[in-house]
């Protein structure tokens, strides 16, 4: 994911893309790294290690709820739901969902927050850079791709200026995701007094982090935390592919750098402390320079939304978004609307989608109509027949490269973050997503989904049965490798 002729993908040999100008399996780096990645994948945990806990009675489980004043209480899930903005159907989902996942999620549900949805790169960069300009104490950035170029250079200038003002700045970037970024870019950041750390370096001479990591374990998170007061997450890297928006174009065959379709979110309120803690944990586990110094920051109530940050950590064999999403799917009663840039589902995900559709839930998927890497695209398509037969509605966005990772269920449960619906995110990557339990925010998410759906082509069962031999062959081939994608 880069600008100009050098484009990296967010999903090459498992989101471990090396260079968009060379798709994975082409070029010297892929030849060198594939054997190591294969070896790592061979010993990776099966996806059932992040499966759901035994379903408890909704009234029997006490949910941890953190209030804006920092007080942590435990209440039965029905009592907690009474405090949330949800209609009757949404309340039913939340009661069962909260009881189901409480023992599996590390963070408590936090009240008193606000979220602002950001669509595509231009809007996201405007909001992020404005927040950076207003920083007074600290800036923490964690990203898969940190690319030089228009946006990356502007970011570097802003960070250097804030550092001259005395703001403490730490930057954590993934070694594989940022493989094409010139070393001079990071050297200049360090020269400006910024603490910079490379996650799980490809160069074995530079390894200093967690020895349990393999080359296949990548930091796919996109986090920005400002002064402990404002946080960002979603699917957007620091990359030139986001130079334009993704709506309103009439191009029939867009190029891969003509405005990627992606979603980010800016949050305020007490939940920001969970973002800060997750960043600090990653910094510490990578043994990065400039030790973590705990800074007590009181975050005031910013709104009425209930949120929690969920994380994926392959070292501990944990994918909290997987657990939360499967639970929400299983308890959905009205509608399940999912938008994902990479869709290579495991059997558990497929079964939950089929079951929801067959019990009358309106299940819709907005997926890519083309991709930056052929294998996950066709592996995902290999499951279309199964889903269509169960009554799932599938739409493909063909006028922009879809990269978003969002879900909205029953008009009250939403997620925005870095986790794709694929084995790579569930098993191999470090990920982060924010769950928002709020009717007003879900309404915004549904409006955005409708925009994507209106810009997409519906895949009907009849059309799908008529696809050609070449498409079927690519699906069969990609299906053989889907665990690695």
Protein backbone atom coordinates (compact mmCIF):
# COMPACT_ATOMS: atom_id res chain seq x y z
CA UNK A 1 0.00 0.00 0.00
CA UNK A 2 2.06 2.84 -1.24
CA UNK A 3 1.90 5.73 -3.63
CA UNK A 4 3.03 5.82 -7.22
CA UNK A 5 4.44 2.67 -8.73
CA UNK A 6 5.40 1.10 -5.41
CA UNK A 7 2.28 -0.35 -3.80
CA UNK A 8 2.20 -2.69 -0.85
CA UNK A 9 -0.75 -4.90 -0.10
CA UNK A 10 -2.36 -5.39 3.27
CA UNK A 11 -2.89 -9.03 2.46
CA UNK A 12 -0.09 -10.71 0.59
CA UNK A 13 1.44 -13.82 2.13
CA UNK A 14 -0.95 -13.39 4.99
CA UNK A 15 -1.23 -9.60 5.20
CA UNK A 16 2.55 -9.82 5.06
CA UNK A 17 2.84 -8.00 1.81
CA UNK A 18 6.25 -6.98 0.77
CA UNK A 19 5.71 -4.66 -2.14
CA UNK A 20 2.71 -3.79 -4.24
CA UNK A 21 4.83 -3.42 -7.35
CA UNK A 22 5.71 -7.09 -6.81
CA UNK A 23 2.83 -9.22 -5.61
CA UNK A 24 3.80 -11.93 -3.16
CA UNK A 25 5.61 -14.93 -4.64
CA UNK A 26 7.32 -12.53 -7.07
CA UNK A 27 10.64 -10.89 -6.30
CA UNK A 28 13.62 -11.71 -4.14
CA UNK A 29 12.04 -10.98 -0.76
CA UNK A 30 9.16 -13.38 -1.26
CA UNK A 31 11.47 -16.14 -2.45
CA UNK A 32 13.62 -15.64 0.63
CA UNK A 33 10.80 -15.38 3.16
CA UNK A 34 8.21 -17.91 1.96
CA UNK A 35 9.97 -20.98 3.47
CA UNK A 36 10.11 -19.28 6.88
CA UNK A 37 6.49 -18.19 6.68
CA UNK A 38 5.43 -21.69 5.68
CA UNK A 39 7.28 -23.14 8.63
CA UNK A 40 5.64 -20.63 10.94
CA UNK A 41 2.19 -21.37 9.55
CA UNK A 42 2.69 -25.08 10.01
CA UNK A 43 2.93 -24.62 13.75
CA UNK A 44 0.33 -21.87 14.13
CA UNK A 45 -2.65 -22.54 16.39
CA UNK A 46 -5.86 -23.71 14.79
CA UNK A 47 -8.62 -21.16 14.73
CA UNK A 48 -10.68 -23.15 17.24
CA UNK A 49 -8.23 -22.02 19.93
CA UNK A 50 -10.01 -18.66 19.85
CA UNK A 51 -13.48 -20.24 19.88
CA UNK A 52 -16.43 -19.25 21.98
CA UNK A 53 -16.87 -20.10 25.64
CA UNK A 54 -19.71 -22.28 26.84
CA UNK A 55 -22.95 -20.30 26.60
CA UNK A 56 -24.09 -19.18 30.08
CA UNK A 57 -27.47 -17.96 31.22
CA UNK A 58 -27.70 -14.18 30.46
CA UNK A 59 -28.80 -13.37 33.99
CA UNK A 60 -26.05 -15.44 35.60
CA UNK A 61 -23.06 -13.46 34.33
CA UNK A 62 -21.96 -10.17 35.82
CA UNK A 63 -20.55 -7.70 33.30
CA UNK A 64 -17.66 -5.41 34.22
CA UNK A 65 -18.70 -1.82 33.54
CA UNK A 66 -16.33 1.12 33.93
CA UNK A 67 -17.98 4.50 34.37
CA UNK A 68 -16.66 7.89 33.32
CA UNK A 69 -15.50 8.58 36.89
CA UNK A 70 -13.27 5.49 36.76
CA UNK A 71 -15.50 3.40 39.02
CA UNK A 72 -15.65 -0.27 37.99
CA UNK A 73 -18.82 -2.16 38.84
CA UNK A 74 -20.18 -5.59 38.01
CA UNK A 75 -23.86 -5.97 37.20
CA UNK A 76 -25.94 -8.70 35.53
CA UNK A 77 -26.06 -8.22 31.77
CA UNK A 78 -29.80 -7.32 31.67
CA UNK A 79 -29.17 -4.49 34.13
CA UNK A 80 -26.21 -3.22 32.11
CA UNK A 81 -28.21 -3.19 28.89
CA UNK A 82 -30.85 -0.96 30.46
CA UNK A 83 -28.23 1.82 30.45
CA UNK A 84 -27.54 1.50 26.72
CA UNK A 85 -29.21 3.09 23.70
CA UNK A 86 -30.96 0.14 22.06
CA UNK A 87 -34.42 -0.80 20.86
CA UNK A 88 -36.12 -3.99 22.02
CA UNK A 89 -34.44 -6.22 19.42
CA UNK A 90 -31.06 -4.65 20.13
CA UNK A 91 -31.49 -5.14 23.87
CA UNK A 92 -32.14 -8.85 23.34
CA UNK A 93 -28.92 -9.20 21.37
CA UNK A 94 -26.88 -7.27 23.93
CA UNK A 95 -28.17 -9.16 26.98
CA UNK A 96 -27.13 -12.51 25.53
CA UNK A 97 -23.97 -11.22 23.87
CA UNK A 98 -22.56 -9.56 26.99
CA UNK A 99 -23.19 -12.65 29.07
CA UNK A 100 -21.62 -14.83 26.41
CA UNK A 101 -18.34 -12.97 25.97
CA UNK A 102 -17.63 -11.47 29.37
CA UNK A 103 -15.19 -14.16 30.48
CA UNK A 104 -13.37 -14.09 27.11
CA UNK A 105 -12.64 -10.36 26.78
CA UNK A 106 -9.84 -8.71 28.73
CA UNK A 107 -11.22 -5.18 28.88
CA UNK A 108 -14.35 -3.97 30.67
CA UNK A 109 -17.22 -2.23 28.93
CA UNK A 110 -16.66 1.53 29.33
CA UNK A 111 -19.45 4.11 29.47
CA UNK A 112 -19.34 7.82 28.67
CA UNK A 113 -17.65 7.85 25.25
CA UNK A 114 -18.19 9.38 21.83
CA UNK A 115 -17.22 8.11 18.36
CA UNK A 116 -16.86 9.95 15.05
CA UNK A 117 -16.92 7.82 11.89
CA UNK A 118 -14.25 8.62 9.29
CA UNK A 119 -14.72 7.49 5.69
CA UNK A 120 -11.65 7.04 3.48
CA UNK A 121 -8.16 8.49 3.67
CA UNK A 122 -8.64 12.23 3.13
CA UNK A 123 -11.15 12.60 5.99
CA UNK A 124 -9.10 10.34 8.26
CA UNK A 125 -5.82 12.15 7.69
CA UNK A 126 -7.47 15.53 8.25
CA UNK A 127 -8.79 14.38 11.62
CA UNK A 128 -5.57 12.63 12.66
CA UNK A 129 -3.27 15.50 11.68
CA UNK A 130 -5.54 18.04 13.37
CA UNK A 131 -5.39 16.02 16.58
CA UNK A 132 -1.60 15.74 16.34
CA UNK A 133 -1.28 19.52 15.88
CA UNK A 134 -3.21 20.04 19.13
CA UNK A 135 -1.18 17.52 21.15
CA UNK A 136 0.33 18.89 24.35
CA UNK A 137 1.85 15.91 26.19
CA UNK A 138 2.24 12.71 24.16
CA UNK A 139 1.58 11.08 20.80
CA UNK A 140 1.60 7.31 20.33
CA UNK A 141 1.35 5.82 16.84
CA UNK A 142 1.22 2.11 15.97
CA UNK A 143 0.73 1.10 12.34
CA UNK A 144 1.31 -1.74 9.92
CA UNK A 145 2.47 0.50 7.07
CA UNK A 146 4.31 3.75 7.63
CA UNK A 147 5.23 4.93 4.17
CA UNK A 148 7.20 7.91 2.99
CA UNK A 149 5.50 10.07 0.41
CA UNK A 150 2.94 12.84 0.64
CA UNK A 151 1.11 11.68 3.78
CA UNK A 152 4.10 10.05 5.47
CA UNK A 153 6.29 13.10 4.93
CA UNK A 154 3.61 15.43 6.24
CA UNK A 155 3.26 13.20 9.30
CA UNK A 156 7.02 13.28 9.88
CA UNK A 157 7.08 17.08 9.71
CA UNK A 158 4.20 17.35 12.17
CA UNK A 159 5.79 14.92 14.61
CA UNK A 160 9.14 16.71 14.46
CA UNK A 161 7.44 20.03 15.13
CA UNK A 162 5.55 18.63 18.12
CA UNK A 163 8.73 17.09 19.49
CA UNK A 164 10.41 20.52 19.36
CA UNK A 165 7.53 21.72 21.51
CA UNK A 166 8.38 19.09 24.11
CA UNK A 167 5.69 16.52 23.26
CA UNK A 168 6.74 12.92 24.01
CA UNK A 169 6.35 10.84 20.82
CA UNK A 170 6.63 7.10 20.24
CA UNK A 171 6.17 5.36 16.88
CA UNK A 172 5.83 1.58 16.43
CA UNK A 173 5.73 0.26 12.86
CA UNK A 174 5.66 -3.26 11.41
CA UNK A 175 8.87 -4.47 9.79
CA UNK A 176 7.19 -6.28 6.89
CA UNK A 177 4.40 -3.78 6.30
CA UNK A 178 6.92 -0.95 6.08
CA UNK A 179 9.61 -2.94 4.30
CA UNK A 180 9.81 -0.55 1.33
CA UNK A 181 10.07 2.59 3.42
CA UNK A 182 13.61 4.00 3.11
CA UNK A 183 15.65 3.62 6.32
CA UNK A 184 16.41 7.34 6.09
CA UNK A 185 12.76 8.08 6.87
CA UNK A 186 13.01 6.43 10.29
CA UNK A 187 16.51 7.80 10.88
CA UNK A 188 15.15 11.32 10.41
CA UNK A 189 12.42 10.64 12.97
CA UNK A 190 15.00 9.45 15.48
CA UNK A 191 17.20 12.47 14.75
CA UNK A 192 14.20 14.67 15.60
CA UNK A 193 14.08 13.10 19.06
CA UNK A 194 11.21 10.70 18.37
CA UNK A 195 11.32 7.19 19.88
CA UNK A 196 10.96 4.76 16.96
CA UNK A 197 10.57 0.98 17.19
CA UNK A 198 10.37 -1.71 14.51
CA UNK A 199 7.94 -4.53 15.30
CA UNK A 200 9.36 -8.06 14.90
CA UNK A 201 12.20 -7.09 12.54
CA UNK A 202 12.76 -9.13 9.40
CA UNK A 203 16.51 -8.69 9.90
CA UNK A 204 17.49 -11.37 12.46
CA UNK A 205 20.38 -9.19 13.64
CA UNK A 206 17.86 -6.65 14.90
CA UNK A 207 15.56 -9.04 16.76
CA UNK A 208 15.08 -7.95 20.35
CA UNK A 209 11.38 -8.45 21.03
CA UNK A 210 9.33 -11.42 22.14
CA UNK A 211 11.23 -14.62 21.21
CA UNK A 212 7.93 -16.48 20.81
CA UNK A 213 7.13 -14.52 17.64
CA UNK A 214 7.67 -16.00 14.20
CA UNK A 215 8.20 -14.07 10.99
CA UNK A 216 4.56 -14.78 10.23
CA UNK A 217 3.30 -12.78 13.23
CA UNK A 218 2.77 -9.20 12.12
CA UNK A 219 1.50 -6.06 13.84
CA UNK A 220 -1.53 -5.19 11.72
CA UNK A 221 -2.96 -2.65 14.18
CA UNK A 222 -3.62 0.97 13.29
CA UNK A 223 -3.66 3.00 16.51
CA UNK A 224 -3.09 6.66 17.24
CA UNK A 225 -3.47 8.01 20.78
CA UNK A 226 -3.19 11.73 21.57
CA UNK A 227 -2.63 12.97 25.14
CA UNK A 228 -4.61 10.01 26.49
CA UNK A 229 -7.75 11.88 25.39
CA UNK A 230 -8.35 11.03 21.73
CA UNK A 231 -7.77 7.72 19.94
CA UNK A 232 -8.09 6.47 16.37
CA UNK A 233 -8.36 2.99 14.92
CA UNK A 234 -9.62 1.32 11.76
CA UNK A 235 -8.20 0.01 8.51
CA UNK A 236 -6.20 3.01 7.28
CA UNK A 237 -2.41 2.90 7.16
CA UNK A 238 -0.08 5.83 6.46
CA UNK A 239 -0.01 5.33 2.69
CA UNK A 240 -0.41 7.10 -0.62
CA UNK A 241 -3.23 4.81 -1.77
CA UNK A 242 -5.62 6.93 0.31
CA UNK A 243 -5.00 10.15 -1.61
CA UNK A 244 -8.62 10.27 -2.84
CA UNK A 245 -12.10 9.31 -1.69
CA UNK A 246 -13.96 6.26 -3.01
CA UNK A 247 -17.46 7.59 -3.73
CA UNK A 248 -18.65 9.51 -6.76
CA UNK A 249 -16.17 8.04 -9.25
CA UNK A 250 -17.56 6.63 -12.47
CA UNK A 251 -14.40 4.78 -13.47
CA UNK A 252 -15.26 1.33 -14.76
CA UNK A 253 -11.78 -0.11 -14.22
CA UNK A 254 -10.10 1.78 -11.36
CA UNK A 255 -6.41 1.43 -10.71
CA UNK A 256 -5.18 0.23 -7.33
CA UNK A 257 -4.17 3.68 -6.11
CA UNK A 258 -7.24 5.71 -7.13
CA UNK A 259 -8.83 6.07 -3.72
CA UNK A 260 -9.13 3.01 -1.54
CA UNK A 261 -12.44 2.50 0.27
CA UNK A 262 -11.70 2.29 3.99
CA UNK A 263 -13.15 3.18 7.38
CA UNK A 264 -11.57 4.64 10.51
CA UNK A 265 -13.04 5.98 13.74
CA UNK A 266 -12.04 8.71 16.20
CA UNK A 267 -13.08 8.11 19.81
CA UNK A 268 -13.06 10.27 22.93
CA UNK A 269 -13.77 9.40 26.53
CA UNK A 270 -12.60 6.94 29.19
CA UNK A 271 -12.19 4.10 26.66
CA UNK A 272 -9.08 5.89 25.32
CA UNK A 273 -7.17 4.48 28.29
CA UNK A 274 -7.61 1.00 26.78
CA UNK A 275 -5.95 2.20 23.56
CA UNK A 276 -3.08 3.66 25.58
CA UNK A 277 -2.64 0.46 27.56
CA UNK A 278 -2.61 -1.72 24.44
CA UNK A 279 0.03 0.48 22.82
CA UNK A 280 2.17 0.40 25.96
CA UNK A 281 1.93 -3.39 26.14
CA UNK A 282 3.16 -3.75 22.55
CA UNK A 283 5.96 -1.25 23.13
CA UNK A 284 7.11 -3.07 26.24
CA UNK A 285 6.88 -6.57 24.72
CA UNK A 286 8.98 -5.45 21.76
CA UNK A 287 11.60 -4.09 24.19
CA UNK A 288 11.47 -0.79 22.41
CA UNK A 289 13.66 2.18 23.39
CA UNK A 290 12.44 4.75 25.89
CA UNK A 291 10.78 2.64 28.61
CA UNK A 292 7.07 2.98 29.24
CA UNK A 293 6.37 5.57 31.93
CA UNK A 294 2.91 5.33 33.42
CA UNK A 295 1.17 8.68 33.21
CA UNK A 296 -2.10 9.09 35.06
CA UNK A 297 -4.53 10.95 32.83
CA UNK A 298 -8.08 11.64 33.82
CA UNK A 299 -10.29 11.32 30.76
CA UNK A 300 -13.59 13.12 31.13
CA UNK A 301 -16.93 11.82 29.96
CA UNK A 302 -17.31 12.67 26.26
CA UNK A 303 -20.70 11.20 25.35
CA UNK A 304 -23.15 8.40 26.04
CA UNK A 305 -21.67 5.51 24.07
CA UNK A 306 -20.55 2.22 25.60
CA UNK A 307 -17.31 0.86 24.12
CA UNK A 308 -14.48 -1.57 24.66
CA UNK A 309 -11.26 -2.16 22.74
CA UNK A 310 -10.64 -5.78 21.75
CA UNK A 311 -7.31 -7.17 20.61
CA UNK A 312 -5.77 -10.11 18.81
CA UNK A 313 -2.53 -11.54 20.18
CA UNK A 314 -1.21 -14.68 18.45
CA UNK A 315 1.35 -15.29 21.20
CA UNK A 316 -1.45 -15.88 23.68
CA UNK A 317 -3.59 -17.54 20.97
CA UNK A 318 -6.32 -14.93 21.45
CA UNK A 319 -8.58 -13.14 18.98
CA UNK A 320 -11.15 -11.17 20.92
CA UNK A 321 -12.89 -9.74 17.85
CA UNK A 322 -13.45 -13.29 16.61
CA UNK A 323 -15.11 -14.25 19.89
CA UNK A 324 -17.21 -11.08 20.02
CA UNK A 325 -18.27 -11.23 16.38
CA UNK A 326 -19.26 -14.90 16.49
CA UNK A 327 -21.33 -14.21 19.58
CA UNK A 328 -23.06 -11.24 17.95
CA UNK A 329 -23.78 -13.32 14.83
CA UNK A 330 -25.20 -16.17 16.88
CA UNK A 331 -27.52 -13.87 18.84
CA UNK A 332 -28.58 -11.60 15.97
CA UNK A 333 -32.34 -11.39 15.44
CA UNK A 334 -32.85 -8.72 12.80
CA UNK A 335 -29.88 -7.89 10.55
CA UNK A 336 -26.17 -8.60 10.09
CA UNK A 337 -24.38 -6.21 7.75
CA UNK A 338 -20.65 -6.81 7.29
CA UNK A 339 -18.08 -4.94 5.17
CA UNK A 340 -14.67 -6.60 4.85
CA UNK A 341 -11.75 -6.05 2.50
CA UNK A 342 -10.41 -9.58 2.97
CA UNK A 343 -12.86 -12.43 3.38
CA UNK A 344 -11.37 -15.90 3.82
CA UNK A 345 -13.67 -17.34 6.48
CA UNK A 346 -13.17 -20.44 8.61
CA UNK A 347 -15.96 -22.98 8.98
CA UNK A 348 -17.16 -21.49 12.28
CA UNK A 349 -17.73 -18.09 10.63
CA UNK A 350 -19.47 -19.67 7.66
CA UNK A 351 -21.76 -21.68 9.91
CA UNK A 352 -22.72 -18.59 11.93
CA UNK A 353 -23.55 -16.65 8.75
CA UNK A 354 -25.58 -19.54 7.32
CA UNK A 355 -27.45 -20.12 10.57
CA UNK A 356 -28.33 -16.44 10.91
CA UNK A 357 -29.69 -16.25 7.36
CA UNK A 358 -31.68 -19.47 7.75
CA UNK A 359 -33.41 -18.21 10.90
CA UNK A 360 -34.61 -15.14 9.02
CA UNK A 361 -31.88 -12.59 9.82
CA UNK A 362 -31.09 -10.15 6.99
CA UNK A 363 -27.44 -11.12 6.35
CA UNK A 364 -25.57 -8.94 3.85
CA UNK A 365 -21.89 -8.87 2.95
CA UNK A 366 -20.16 -6.07 1.05
CA UNK A 367 -16.90 -7.53 -0.26
CA UNK A 368 -14.26 -6.53 -2.83
CA UNK A 369 -15.02 -6.84 -6.52
CA UNK A 370 -11.26 -6.86 -7.19
CA UNK A 371 -8.23 -6.95 -4.93
CA UNK A 372 -4.56 -6.13 -4.59
CA UNK A 373 -3.75 -9.84 -4.33
CA UNK A 374 -5.52 -12.60 -6.21
CA UNK A 375 -5.33 -15.45 -3.69
CA UNK A 376 -7.48 -14.16 -0.78
CA UNK A 377 -9.91 -12.65 -3.27
CA UNK A 378 -10.59 -15.99 -4.97
CA UNK A 379 -10.39 -18.00 -1.74
CA UNK A 380 -13.21 -15.87 -0.37
CA UNK A 381 -15.23 -16.26 -3.55
CA UNK A 382 -14.90 -20.04 -3.28
CA UNK A 383 -17.41 -19.85 -0.40
CA UNK A 384 -20.04 -17.79 -2.25
CA UNK A 385 -22.14 -20.73 -3.43
CA UNK A 386 -22.49 -22.07 0.08
CA UNK A 387 -23.51 -18.68 1.47
CA UNK A 388 -25.87 -17.77 -1.37
CA UNK A 389 -27.66 -21.09 -1.01
CA UNK A 390 -28.30 -20.30 2.66
CA UNK A 391 -29.86 -16.94 1.83
CA UNK A 392 -26.90 -14.63 2.47
CA UNK A 393 -26.85 -11.56 0.20
CA UNK A 394 -23.43 -10.73 -1.28
CA UNK A 395 -22.43 -7.43 -2.90
CA UNK A 396 -19.10 -6.63 -4.55
CA UNK A 397 -17.64 -3.13 -4.61
CA UNK A 398 -16.03 -2.82 -8.06
CA UNK A 399 -15.43 0.93 -8.40
CA UNK A 400 -12.82 1.17 -5.61
CA UNK A 401 -10.49 -1.19 -3.82
CA UNK A 402 -12.38 -2.16 -0.66
CA UNK A 403 -10.20 -2.33 2.45
CA UNK A 404 -12.65 -1.58 5.32
CA UNK A 405 -13.21 -3.93 8.26
CA UNK A 406 -16.57 -3.10 9.84
CA UNK A 407 -19.72 -4.77 11.14
CA UNK A 408 -23.12 -3.55 12.33
CA UNK A 409 -25.63 -5.97 13.84
CA UNK A 410 -29.25 -5.49 14.97
CA UNK A 411 -28.92 -1.70 14.91
CA UNK A 412 -26.90 -1.56 18.12
CA UNK A 413 -23.66 -3.61 17.92
CA UNK A 414 -20.83 -2.19 15.77
CA UNK A 415 -17.14 -2.86 15.24
CA UNK A 416 -14.46 -0.84 13.45
CA UNK A 417 -10.82 -1.86 13.35
CA UNK A 418 -8.01 -3.72 11.64
CA UNK A 419 -9.29 -7.32 11.80
CA UNK A 420 -10.29 -8.94 8.52
CA UNK A 421 -12.56 -11.97 8.24
CA UNK A 422 -9.69 -14.30 7.44
CA UNK A 423 -7.30 -16.78 9.02
CA UNK A 424 -4.49 -14.24 8.88
CA UNK A 425 -6.26 -11.86 11.26
CA UNK A 426 -7.77 -14.54 13.48
CA UNK A 427 -4.63 -16.60 14.02
CA UNK A 428 -1.42 -14.84 12.97
CA UNK A 429 -1.71 -11.06 13.37
CA UNK A 430 -1.78 -8.58 16.21
CA UNK A 431 -5.02 -6.64 15.67
CA UNK A 432 -7.22 -4.03 17.39
CA UNK A 433 -10.91 -3.19 16.98
CA UNK A 434 -13.28 -0.99 18.94
CA UNK A 435 -16.72 -2.35 19.77
CA UNK A 436 -19.45 0.29 20.07
CA UNK A 437 -22.76 -0.66 21.71
CA UNK A 438 -24.95 2.27 20.76
CA UNK A 439 -28.00 2.75 18.57
CA UNK A 440 -27.09 6.18 17.19
CA UNK A 441 -23.63 5.06 16.10
CA UNK A 442 -25.06 1.87 14.60
CA UNK A 443 -27.44 4.02 12.56
CA UNK A 444 -24.44 5.88 11.10
CA UNK A 445 -22.79 2.55 10.33
CA UNK A 446 -25.93 1.33 8.58
CA UNK A 447 -26.11 4.50 6.49
CA UNK A 448 -22.51 3.95 5.43
CA UNK A 449 -23.27 0.32 4.63
CA UNK A 450 -26.15 1.39 2.40
CA UNK A 451 -23.81 3.74 0.53
CA UNK A 452 -21.41 0.88 -0.10
CA UNK A 453 -24.23 -1.42 -1.11
CA UNK A 454 -25.60 1.14 -3.57
CA UNK A 455 -22.13 1.42 -5.14
CA UNK A 456 -21.81 -2.36 -5.39
CA UNK A 457 -22.91 -5.13 -7.72
CA UNK A 458 -25.13 -7.83 -6.18
CA UNK A 459 -23.98 -11.38 -6.78
CA UNK A 460 -27.08 -13.48 -7.42
CA UNK A 461 -27.18 -17.29 -7.21
CA UNK A 462 -28.07 -17.50 -10.91
CA UNK A 463 -25.15 -15.32 -11.99
CA UNK A 464 -22.76 -17.15 -9.75
CA UNK A 465 -23.64 -20.54 -11.21
CA UNK A 466 -22.80 -19.17 -14.68
CA UNK A 467 -19.25 -18.04 -13.85
CA UNK A 468 -16.49 -19.34 -16.11
CA UNK A 469 -14.02 -22.17 -15.80
CA UNK A 470 -11.08 -19.83 -15.13
CA UNK A 471 -12.81 -18.31 -12.09
CA UNK A 472 -13.65 -21.77 -10.73
CA UNK A 473 -10.05 -22.91 -11.19
CA UNK A 474 -8.66 -19.88 -9.36
CA UNK A 475 -11.13 -20.44 -6.52
CA UNK A 476 -10.10 -24.08 -6.20
CA UNK A 477 -6.41 -23.19 -6.20
CA UNK A 478 -6.73 -20.35 -3.69
CA UNK A 479 -8.90 -22.53 -1.41
CA UNK A 480 -5.96 -24.90 -0.95
CA UNK A 481 -3.93 -22.07 0.62
CA UNK A 482 -6.58 -20.18 2.56
CA UNK A 483 -5.04 -20.86 5.99
CA UNK A 484 -1.94 -18.93 4.88
CA UNK A 485 -3.76 -15.94 3.41
